[in-house]
């Protein structure tokens, strides 16, 4: 799939340039991916309209990359499954056995990896 045809949603997006979620958004854009940041209170990040939650993301999600810790992530388990992403990336610190088991049960592929490393090494 060409990057321009690949939609990536970033859960836990941040407007702060030093945050990994923000660095991932910028690197995804540099690589030509379509990106939707997700944050409940911020309307725009890196010039992109922000979805307040997963249910508000309008187009199908090819990759959902996570930047939210398990305590915040686990209450979103049903929404993650309902979003039916093509795959989910658990970035360091976001791992949750409960969410991973729910994704397995729904047949949604996931991996524990760093989006930044995947992009920089051509493995995204």
Protein backbone atom coordinates (compact mmCIF):
# COMPACT_ATOMS: atom_id res chain seq x y z
CA UNK A 1 0.00 0.00 0.00
CA UNK A 2 1.36 3.41 -0.98
CA UNK A 3 1.73 5.81 1.99
CA UNK A 4 -0.77 8.27 0.47
CA UNK A 5 -3.38 5.47 0.54
CA UNK A 6 -2.52 4.40 4.10
CA UNK A 7 -4.49 6.08 6.89
CA UNK A 8 -2.81 6.20 10.30
CA UNK A 9 -4.63 7.27 13.45
CA UNK A 10 -2.49 8.41 16.38
CA UNK A 11 -4.24 7.80 19.71
CA UNK A 12 -2.73 10.04 22.39
CA UNK A 13 -1.60 12.71 19.93
CA UNK A 14 0.23 15.67 21.43
CA UNK A 15 0.88 19.22 20.24
CA UNK A 16 4.21 19.22 22.14
CA UNK A 17 7.10 18.69 19.68
CA UNK A 18 9.22 16.84 22.25
CA UNK A 19 6.58 14.12 22.76
CA UNK A 20 6.98 10.89 20.82
CA UNK A 21 3.37 11.03 19.61
CA UNK A 22 4.05 14.42 18.00
CA UNK A 23 7.33 13.20 16.51
CA UNK A 24 5.44 10.23 15.04
CA UNK A 25 2.82 12.52 13.47
CA UNK A 26 5.52 14.65 11.86
CA UNK A 27 7.49 11.63 10.60
CA UNK A 28 4.35 9.96 9.23
CA UNK A 29 3.54 13.18 7.34
CA UNK A 30 7.13 13.38 6.03
CA UNK A 31 6.73 9.84 4.69
CA UNK A 32 3.46 10.80 2.96
CA UNK A 33 0.93 8.98 5.16
CA UNK A 34 -2.59 10.29 5.79
CA UNK A 35 -2.76 11.01 9.51
CA UNK A 36 -5.57 11.62 11.97
CA UNK A 37 -4.45 12.68 15.45
CA UNK A 38 -6.82 11.70 18.28
CA UNK A 39 -7.07 13.81 21.44
CA UNK A 40 -10.21 14.70 23.43
CA UNK A 41 -9.46 18.40 23.96
CA UNK A 42 -7.15 19.74 21.25
CA UNK A 43 -8.70 20.82 17.91
CA UNK A 44 -5.54 20.93 15.76
CA UNK A 45 -2.05 19.36 15.85
CA UNK A 46 0.64 19.96 13.22
CA UNK A 47 -1.99 21.61 10.98
CA UNK A 48 -4.26 18.55 11.09
CA UNK A 49 -7.82 18.45 12.40
CA UNK A 50 -7.93 16.30 15.53
CA UNK A 51 -10.62 13.70 16.20
CA UNK A 52 -11.81 13.81 19.83
CA UNK A 53 -12.09 10.01 20.04
CA UNK A 54 -11.86 6.84 17.95
CA UNK A 55 -15.55 6.88 17.06
CA UNK A 56 -15.07 10.31 15.43
CA UNK A 57 -12.42 9.14 12.96
CA UNK A 58 -14.25 9.31 9.64
CA UNK A 59 -12.38 6.99 7.29
CA UNK A 60 -11.18 3.42 7.82
CA UNK A 61 -7.99 3.15 9.89
CA UNK A 62 -5.22 1.09 8.29
CA UNK A 63 -2.88 1.52 11.28
CA UNK A 64 -3.73 2.68 14.78
CA UNK A 65 -0.61 3.67 16.70
CA UNK A 66 -0.98 4.03 20.46
CA UNK A 67 0.59 6.66 22.71
CA UNK A 68 -1.70 6.18 25.72
CA UNK A 69 -0.75 4.15 28.79
CA UNK A 70 -2.72 1.06 29.85
CA UNK A 71 -4.70 2.88 32.57
CA UNK A 72 -6.23 5.21 29.95
CA UNK A 73 -6.21 2.65 27.15
CA UNK A 74 -8.08 -0.21 28.80
CA UNK A 75 -11.37 1.73 29.24
CA UNK A 76 -11.22 2.29 25.45
CA UNK A 77 -10.98 -1.43 24.61
CA UNK A 78 -14.48 -1.65 23.08
CA UNK A 79 -13.89 1.50 21.02
CA UNK A 80 -10.55 0.11 19.77
CA UNK A 81 -12.21 -3.09 18.62
CA UNK A 82 -15.18 -1.20 17.12
CA UNK A 83 -12.79 1.01 15.10
CA UNK A 84 -11.61 -2.20 13.38
CA UNK A 85 -8.13 -0.93 12.43
CA UNK A 86 -6.07 -2.96 9.98
CA UNK A 87 -3.41 -3.24 12.68
CA UNK A 88 -2.49 -1.73 16.04
CA UNK A 89 0.97 -0.67 17.18
CA UNK A 90 1.63 -0.66 20.91
CA UNK A 91 4.47 1.82 21.36
CA UNK A 92 6.72 1.38 24.41
CA UNK A 93 4.75 1.95 27.61
CA UNK A 94 1.32 1.34 26.06
CA UNK A 95 1.27 -2.44 26.28
CA UNK A 96 -1.90 -3.97 27.74
CA UNK A 97 -2.58 -7.70 27.86
CA UNK A 98 -6.30 -6.96 28.25
CA UNK A 99 -6.44 -4.85 25.09
CA UNK A 100 -4.19 -7.26 23.17
CA UNK A 101 -6.47 -10.19 24.10
CA UNK A 102 -9.53 -8.22 22.92
CA UNK A 103 -7.79 -7.46 19.62
CA UNK A 104 -6.85 -11.15 19.24
CA UNK A 105 -10.47 -12.17 19.88
CA UNK A 106 -11.61 -9.70 17.18
CA UNK A 107 -8.98 -10.88 14.70
CA UNK A 108 -7.21 -7.51 14.65
CA UNK A 109 -3.44 -7.83 14.19
CA UNK A 110 -1.19 -5.96 16.62
CA UNK A 111 2.47 -5.60 17.39
CA UNK A 112 4.63 -4.19 20.12
CA UNK A 113 6.99 -1.79 18.37
CA UNK A 114 8.09 1.81 18.10
CA UNK A 115 6.43 3.69 15.26
CA UNK A 116 9.43 6.04 14.97
CA UNK A 117 11.86 3.12 14.60
CA UNK A 118 9.57 1.33 12.12
CA UNK A 119 9.40 4.48 9.97
CA UNK A 120 13.12 5.24 10.18
CA UNK A 121 14.08 1.68 9.23
CA UNK A 122 11.57 1.24 6.39
CA UNK A 123 9.56 -1.40 8.27
CA UNK A 124 6.33 0.56 8.79
